[in-house]
PDB file of N, CA and C in Angstrom:
ATOM      1  N   MET A   1       0.839  -0.651  13.195  1.00  0.00           N
ATOM      2  CA  MET A   1       0.555  -0.250  11.823  1.00  0.00           C
ATOM      3  C   MET A   1       1.493   0.884  11.431  1.00  0.00           C
ATOM      4  N   THR A   2       1.918   0.859  10.206  1.00  0.00           N
ATOM      5  CA  THR A   2       2.839   1.866   9.683  1.00  0.00           C
ATOM      6  C   THR A   2       2.058   2.993   9.013  1.00  0.00           C
ATOM      7  N   PRO A   3       2.428   4.235   9.284  1.00  0.00           N
ATOM      8  CA  PRO A   3       1.751   5.351   8.616  1.00  0.00           C
ATOM      9  C   PRO A   3       1.996   5.300   7.105  1.00  0.00           C
ATOM     10  N   PRO A   4       1.019   5.719   6.317  1.00  0.00           N
ATOM     11  CA  PRO A   4       1.158   5.651   4.864  1.00  0.00           C
ATOM     12  C   PRO A   4       2.396   6.366   4.321  1.00  0.00           C
ATOM     13  N   HIS A   5       2.751   7.489   4.930  1.00  0.00           N
ATOM     14  CA  HIS A   5       3.905   8.223   4.392  1.00  0.00           C
ATOM     15  C   HIS A   5       5.211   7.436   4.567  1.00  0.00           C
ATOM     16  N   GLU A   6       5.242   6.494   5.493  1.00  0.00           N
ATOM     17  CA  GLU A   6       6.442   5.668   5.625  1.00  0.00           C
ATOM     18  C   GLU A   6       6.535   4.655   4.486  1.00  0.00           C
ATOM     19  N   PHE A   7       5.398   4.191   3.983  1.00  0.00           N
ATOM     20  CA  PHE A   7       5.414   3.343   2.790  1.00  0.00           C
ATOM     21  C   PHE A   7       5.913   4.144   1.585  1.00  0.00           C
ATOM     22  N   ILE A   8       5.477   5.395   1.514  1.00  0.00           N
ATOM     23  CA  ILE A   8       5.948   6.263   0.431  1.00  0.00           C
ATOM     24  C   ILE A   8       7.462   6.435   0.543  1.00  0.00           C
ATOM     25  N   ALA A   9       7.946   6.669   1.752  1.00  0.00           N
ATOM     26  CA  ALA A   9       9.388   6.838   1.962  1.00  0.00           C
ATOM     27  C   ALA A   9      10.166   5.591   1.544  1.00  0.00           C
ATOM     28  N   GLU A  10       9.616   4.414   1.837  1.00  0.00           N
ATOM     29  CA  GLU A  10      10.271   3.164   1.436  1.00  0.00           C
ATOM     30  C   GLU A  10      10.345   3.048  -0.084  1.00  0.00           C
ATOM     31  N   GLU A  11       9.255   3.410  -0.750  1.00  0.00           N
ATOM     32  CA  GLU A  11       9.241   3.371  -2.215  1.00  0.00           C
ATOM     33  C   GLU A  11      10.235   4.378  -2.799  1.00  0.00           C
ATOM     34  N   LEU A  12      10.274   5.556  -2.214  1.00  0.00           N
ATOM     35  CA  LEU A  12      11.222   6.572  -2.686  1.00  0.00           C
ATOM     36  C   LEU A  12      12.650   6.069  -2.548  1.00  0.00           C
ATOM     37  N   SER A  13      12.958   5.512  -1.397  1.00  0.00           N
ATOM     38  CA  SER A  13      14.303   5.010  -1.132  1.00  0.00           C
ATOM     39  C   SER A  13      14.672   3.885  -2.092  1.00  0.00           C
ATOM     40  N   ALA A  14      13.751   2.958  -2.298  1.00  0.00           N
ATOM     41  CA  ALA A  14      14.011   1.820  -3.178  1.00  0.00           C
ATOM     42  C   ALA A  14      14.288   2.266  -4.614  1.00  0.00           C
ATOM     43  N   ARG A  15      13.664   3.365  -5.016  1.00  0.00           N
ATOM     44  CA  ARG A  15      13.810   3.846  -6.391  1.00  0.00           C
ATOM     45  C   ARG A  15      14.859   4.949  -6.525  1.00  0.00           C
ATOM     46  N   GLY A  16      15.368   5.429  -5.384  1.00  0.00           N
ATOM     47  CA  GLY A  16      16.320   6.534  -5.422  1.00  0.00           C
ATOM     48  C   GLY A  16      15.678   7.843  -5.842  1.00  0.00           C
ATOM     49  N   TRP A  17      14.411   8.018  -5.458  1.00  0.00           N
ATOM     50  CA  TRP A  17      13.645   9.206  -5.823  1.00  0.00           C
ATOM     51  C   TRP A  17      13.515  10.147  -4.632  1.00  0.00           C
ATOM     52  N   THR A  18      13.046  11.350  -4.925  1.00  0.00           N
ATOM     53  CA  THR A  18      12.658  12.334  -3.907  1.00  0.00           C
ATOM     54  C   THR A  18      11.215  12.735  -4.183  1.00  0.00           C
ATOM     55  N   HIS A  19      10.684  13.587  -3.338  1.00  0.00           N
ATOM     56  CA  HIS A  19       9.316  14.074  -3.578  1.00  0.00           C
ATOM     57  C   HIS A  19       9.238  14.848  -4.892  1.00  0.00           C
ATOM     58  N   LEU A  20      10.354  15.404  -5.342  1.00  0.00           N
ATOM     59  CA  LEU A  20      10.365  16.101  -6.626  1.00  0.00           C
ATOM     60  C   LEU A  20      10.073  15.144  -7.781  1.00  0.00           C
ATOM     61  N   ASP A  21      10.574  13.926  -7.670  1.00  0.00           N
ATOM     62  CA  ASP A  21      10.299  12.928  -8.702  1.00  0.00           C
ATOM     63  C   ASP A  21       8.814  12.582  -8.744  1.00  0.00           C
ATOM     64  N   ILE A  22       8.188  12.482  -7.580  1.00  0.00           N
ATOM     65  CA  ILE A  22       6.750  12.212  -7.550  1.00  0.00           C
ATOM     66  C   ILE A  22       5.998  13.346  -8.232  1.00  0.00           C
ATOM     67  N   ALA A  23       6.374  14.570  -7.924  1.00  0.00           N
ATOM     68  CA  ALA A  23       5.715  15.726  -8.539  1.00  0.00           C
ATOM     69  C   ALA A  23       5.854  15.676 -10.061  1.00  0.00           C
ATOM     70  N   GLU A  24       7.044  15.410 -10.543  1.00  0.00           N
ATOM     71  CA  GLU A  24       7.273  15.364 -11.990  1.00  0.00           C
ATOM     72  C   GLU A  24       6.521  14.217 -12.650  1.00  0.00           C
ATOM     73  N   ARG A  25       6.535  13.054 -12.022  1.00  0.00           N
ATOM     74  CA  ARG A  25       5.930  11.871 -12.632  1.00  0.00           C
ATOM     75  C   ARG A  25       4.407  11.878 -12.555  1.00  0.00           C
ATOM     76  N   SER A  26       3.855  12.575 -11.577  1.00  0.00           N
ATOM     77  CA  SER A  26       2.401  12.571 -11.422  1.00  0.00           C
ATOM     78  C   SER A  26       1.740  13.851 -11.914  1.00  0.00           C
ATOM     79  N   GLY A  27       2.541  14.901 -12.083  1.00  0.00           N
ATOM     80  CA  GLY A  27       1.983  16.173 -12.528  1.00  0.00           C
ATOM     81  C   GLY A  27       1.414  17.020 -11.407  1.00  0.00           C
ATOM     82  N   CYS A  28       1.675  16.637 -10.160  1.00  0.00           N
ATOM     83  CA  CYS A  28       1.171  17.432  -9.038  1.00  0.00           C
ATOM     84  C   CYS A  28       2.207  18.484  -8.640  1.00  0.00           C
ATOM     85  N   SER A  29       1.815  19.362  -7.758  1.00  0.00           N
ATOM     86  CA  SER A  29       2.735  20.389  -7.289  1.00  0.00           C
ATOM     87  C   SER A  29       3.776  19.777  -6.358  1.00  0.00           C
ATOM     88  N   VAL A  30       4.901  20.453  -6.269  1.00  0.00           N
ATOM     89  CA  VAL A  30       5.954  20.013  -5.358  1.00  0.00           C
ATOM     90  C   VAL A  30       5.456  20.092  -3.913  1.00  0.00           C
ATOM     91  N   VAL A  31       4.653  21.090  -3.613  1.00  0.00           N
ATOM     92  CA  VAL A  31       4.111  21.260  -2.263  1.00  0.00           C
ATOM     93  C   VAL A  31       3.238  20.065  -1.883  1.00  0.00           C
ATOM     94  N   LEU A  32       2.362  19.644  -2.785  1.00  0.00           N
ATOM     95  CA  LEU A  32       1.500  18.495  -2.509  1.00  0.00           C
ATOM     96  C   LEU A  32       2.324  17.220  -2.380  1.00  0.00           C
ATOM     97  N   ALA A  33       3.272  17.025  -3.277  1.00  0.00           N
ATOM     98  CA  ALA A  33       4.113  15.821  -3.214  1.00  0.00           C
ATOM     99  C   ALA A  33       4.853  15.754  -1.888  1.00  0.00           C
ATOM    100  N   LYS A  34       5.414  16.869  -1.447  1.00  0.00           N
ATOM    101  CA  LYS A  34       6.149  16.884  -0.179  1.00  0.00           C
ATOM    102  C   LYS A  34       5.207  16.603   0.990  1.00  0.00           C
ATOM    103  N   ALA A  35       3.999  17.179   0.954  1.00  0.00           N
ATOM    104  CA  ALA A  35       3.030  16.966   2.036  1.00  0.00           C
ATOM    105  C   ALA A  35       2.625  15.497   2.133  1.00  0.00           C
ATOM    106  N   LEU A  36       2.460  14.835   0.996  1.00  0.00           N
ATOM    107  CA  LEU A  36       2.123  13.408   1.008  1.00  0.00           C
ATOM    108  C   LEU A  36       3.296  12.573   1.516  1.00  0.00           C
ATOM    109  N   CYS A  37       4.497  12.956   1.104  1.00  0.00           N
ATOM    110  CA  CYS A  37       5.697  12.190   1.481  1.00  0.00           C
ATOM    111  C   CYS A  37       6.056  12.327   2.957  1.00  0.00           C
ATOM    112  N   THR A  38       5.664  13.417   3.565  1.00  0.00           N
ATOM    113  CA  THR A  38       6.010  13.647   4.969  1.00  0.00           C
ATOM    114  C   THR A  38       4.862  13.362   5.926  1.00  0.00           C
ATOM    115  N   GLY A  39       3.697  13.023   5.377  1.00  0.00           N
ATOM    116  CA  GLY A  39       2.549  12.731   6.223  1.00  0.00           C
ATOM    117  C   GLY A  39       1.822  13.966   6.714  1.00  0.00           C
ATOM    118  N   LYS A  40       2.133  15.121   6.151  1.00  0.00           N
ATOM    119  CA  LYS A  40       1.439  16.345   6.560  1.00  0.00           C
ATOM    120  C   LYS A  40       0.073  16.455   5.899  1.00  0.00           C
ATOM    121  N   ARG A  41      -0.171  15.582   4.930  1.00  0.00           N
ATOM    122  CA  ARG A  41      -1.474  15.538   4.264  1.00  0.00           C
ATOM    123  C   ARG A  41      -1.920  14.086   4.137  1.00  0.00           C
ATOM    124  N   ARG A  42      -3.175  13.846   4.487  1.00  0.00           N
ATOM    125  CA  ARG A  42      -3.761  12.508   4.332  1.00  0.00           C
ATOM    126  C   ARG A  42      -3.825  12.161   2.858  1.00  0.00           C
ATOM    127  N   ILE A  43      -3.849  10.873   2.588  1.00  0.00           N
ATOM    128  CA  ILE A  43      -3.994  10.416   1.216  1.00  0.00           C
ATOM    129  C   ILE A  43      -5.486  10.355   0.898  1.00  0.00           C
ATOM    130  N   THR A  44      -5.925  11.267   0.064  1.00  0.00           N
ATOM    131  CA  THR A  44      -7.307  11.303  -0.411  1.00  0.00           C
ATOM    132  C   THR A  44      -7.354  10.603  -1.765  1.00  0.00           C
ATOM    133  N   ARG A  45      -8.519  10.544  -2.371  1.00  0.00           N
ATOM    134  CA  ARG A  45      -8.638   9.915  -3.690  1.00  0.00           C
ATOM    135  C   ARG A  45      -7.704  10.598  -4.692  1.00  0.00           C
ATOM    136  N   VAL A  46      -7.643  11.916  -4.665  1.00  0.00           N
ATOM    137  CA  VAL A  46      -6.756  12.642  -5.586  1.00  0.00           C
ATOM    138  C   VAL A  46      -5.292  12.288  -5.318  1.00  0.00           C
ATOM    139  N   GLY A  47      -4.903  12.319  -4.059  1.00  0.00           N
ATOM    140  CA  GLY A  47      -3.525  11.964  -3.715  1.00  0.00           C
ATOM    141  C   GLY A  47      -3.191  10.536  -4.083  1.00  0.00           C
ATOM    142  N   ALA A  48      -4.154   9.638  -3.917  1.00  0.00           N
ATOM    143  CA  ALA A  48      -3.931   8.231  -4.255  1.00  0.00           C
ATOM    144  C   ALA A  48      -3.715   8.060  -5.756  1.00  0.00           C
ATOM    145  N   VAL A  49      -4.464   8.797  -6.551  1.00  0.00           N
ATOM    146  CA  VAL A  49      -4.289   8.729  -8.009  1.00  0.00           C
ATOM    147  C   VAL A  49      -2.915   9.279  -8.389  1.00  0.00           C
ATOM    148  N   LEU A  50      -2.508  10.353  -7.767  1.00  0.00           N
ATOM    149  CA  LEU A  50      -1.187  10.927  -8.053  1.00  0.00           C
ATOM    150  C   LEU A  50      -0.073   9.947  -7.696  1.00  0.00           C
ATOM    151  N   LEU A  51      -0.178   9.336  -6.518  1.00  0.00           N
ATOM    152  CA  LEU A  51       0.833   8.352  -6.111  1.00  0.00           C
ATOM    153  C   LEU A  51       0.825   7.141  -7.037  1.00  0.00           C
ATOM    154  N   ALA A  52      -0.360   6.696  -7.409  1.00  0.00           N
ATOM    155  CA  ALA A  52      -0.462   5.552  -8.315  1.00  0.00           C
ATOM    156  C   ALA A  52       0.191   5.859  -9.656  1.00  0.00           C
ATOM    157  N   ASN A  53      -0.042   7.052 -10.175  1.00  0.00           N
ATOM    158  CA  ASN A  53       0.579   7.440 -11.441  1.00  0.00           C
ATOM    159  C   ASN A  53       2.093   7.509 -11.323  1.00  0.00           C
ATOM    160  N   ALA A  54       2.578   8.019 -10.216  1.00  0.00           N
ATOM    161  CA  ALA A  54       4.028   8.151 -10.023  1.00  0.00           C
ATOM    162  C   ALA A  54       4.691   6.788  -9.858  1.00  0.00           C
ATOM    163  N   PHE A  55       4.094   5.904  -9.073  1.00  0.00           N
ATOM    164  CA  PHE A  55       4.720   4.628  -8.741  1.00  0.00           C
ATOM    165  C   PHE A  55       4.291   3.469  -9.642  1.00  0.00           C
ATOM    166  N   GLY A  56       3.267   3.681 -10.464  1.00  0.00           N
ATOM    167  CA  GLY A  56       2.786   2.594 -11.306  1.00  0.00           C
ATOM    168  C   GLY A  56       2.023   1.538 -10.527  1.00  0.00           C
ATOM    169  N   THR A  57       1.275   1.986  -9.539  1.00  0.00           N
ATOM    170  CA  THR A  57       0.472   1.087  -8.708  1.00  0.00           C
ATOM    171  C   THR A  57      -0.995   1.455  -8.880  1.00  0.00           C
ATOM    172  N   SER A  58      -1.845   0.843  -8.089  1.00  0.00           N
ATOM    173  CA  SER A  58      -3.262   1.219  -8.105  1.00  0.00           C
ATOM    174  C   SER A  58      -3.514   2.278  -7.034  1.00  0.00           C
ATOM    175  N   SER A  59      -4.492   3.105  -7.287  1.00  0.00           N
ATOM    176  CA  SER A  59      -4.863   4.097  -6.277  1.00  0.00           C
ATOM    177  C   SER A  59      -5.466   3.420  -5.055  1.00  0.00           C
ATOM    178  N   ASP A  60      -6.091   2.257  -5.259  1.00  0.00           N
ATOM    179  CA  ASP A  60      -6.688   1.519  -4.146  1.00  0.00           C
ATOM    180  C   ASP A  60      -5.638   1.113  -3.113  1.00  0.00           C
ATOM    181  N   LEU A  61      -4.430   0.845  -3.562  1.00  0.00           N
ATOM    182  CA  LEU A  61      -3.350   0.515  -2.626  1.00  0.00           C
ATOM    183  C   LEU A  61      -3.155   1.650  -1.626  1.00  0.00           C
ATOM    184  N   TRP A  62      -3.036   2.867  -2.127  1.00  0.00           N
ATOM    185  CA  TRP A  62      -2.756   4.020  -1.270  1.00  0.00           C
ATOM    186  C   TRP A  62      -3.960   4.392  -0.415  1.00  0.00           C
ATOM    187  N   LEU A  63      -5.146   4.283  -0.986  1.00  0.00           N
ATOM    188  CA  LEU A  63      -6.349   4.546  -0.192  1.00  0.00           C
ATOM    189  C   LEU A  63      -6.508   3.509   0.914  1.00  0.00           C
ATOM    190  N   GLY A  64      -6.180   2.271   0.608  1.00  0.00           N
ATOM    191  CA  GLY A  64      -6.270   1.207   1.612  1.00  0.00           C
ATOM    192  C   GLY A  64      -5.306   1.425   2.763  1.00  0.00           C
ATOM    193  N   LEU A  65      -4.084   1.853   2.439  1.00  0.00           N
ATOM    194  CA  LEU A  65      -3.105   2.135   3.497  1.00  0.00           C
ATOM    195  C   LEU A  65      -3.596   3.266   4.394  1.00  0.00           C
ATOM    196  N   GLN A  66      -4.167   4.305   3.781  1.00  0.00           N
ATOM    197  CA  GLN A  66      -4.678   5.426   4.576  1.00  0.00           C
ATOM    198  C   GLN A  66      -5.852   4.983   5.433  1.00  0.00           C
ATOM    199  N   LYS A  67      -6.735   4.170   4.857  1.00  0.00           N
ATOM    200  CA  LYS A  67      -7.898   3.696   5.602  1.00  0.00           C
ATOM    201  C   LYS A  67      -7.473   2.858   6.806  1.00  0.00           C
ATOM    202  N   GLN A  68      -6.514   1.945   6.597  1.00  0.00           N
ATOM    203  CA  GLN A  68      -6.026   1.132   7.715  1.00  0.00           C
ATOM    204  C   GLN A  68      -5.432   2.008   8.807  1.00  0.00           C
ATOM    205  N   TRP A  69      -4.678   3.009   8.417  1.00  0.00           N
ATOM    206  CA  TRP A  69      -4.059   3.906   9.385  1.00  0.00           C
ATOM    207  C   TRP A  69      -5.128   4.678  10.166  1.00  0.00           C
ATOM    208  N   ASP A  70      -6.120   5.192   9.445  1.00  0.00           N
ATOM    209  CA  ASP A  70      -7.202   5.943  10.081  1.00  0.00           C
ATOM    210  C   ASP A  70      -7.993   5.083  11.059  1.00  0.00           C
ATOM    211  N   GLU A  71      -8.232   3.845  10.706  1.00  0.00           N
ATOM    212  CA  GLU A  71      -9.034   2.963  11.558  1.00  0.00           C
ATOM    213  C   GLU A  71      -8.311   2.555  12.844  1.00  0.00           C
ATOM    214  N   GLN A  72      -7.024   2.491  12.810  1.00  0.00           N
ATOM    215  CA  GLN A  72      -6.293   2.078  14.011  1.00  0.00           C
ATOM    216  C   GLN A  72      -5.997   3.259  14.931  1.00  0.00           C
ATOM    217  N   ALA A  73      -6.164   4.461  14.425  1.00  0.00           N
ATOM    218  CA  ALA A  73      -5.847   5.655  15.226  1.00  0.00           C
ATOM    219  C   ALA A  73      -6.932   5.942  16.245  1.00  0.00           C
TER     220      ALA A  73
END
């Protein structure tokens, strides 16, 4: 299983974005965006909503990835 932050990294790479772009597009702090992008912070409901807003996806996608990761650990 792939850690959720690696999916975030793939999305960033595909779009040519950095964690700064996530912060700007979602309205979260740069510190939080970087923590989500590097896996230093779990994806909670709030983080999932921020990622969904930035990437144009559902928050359930990000929560599901975190849940799968947590269950296999």
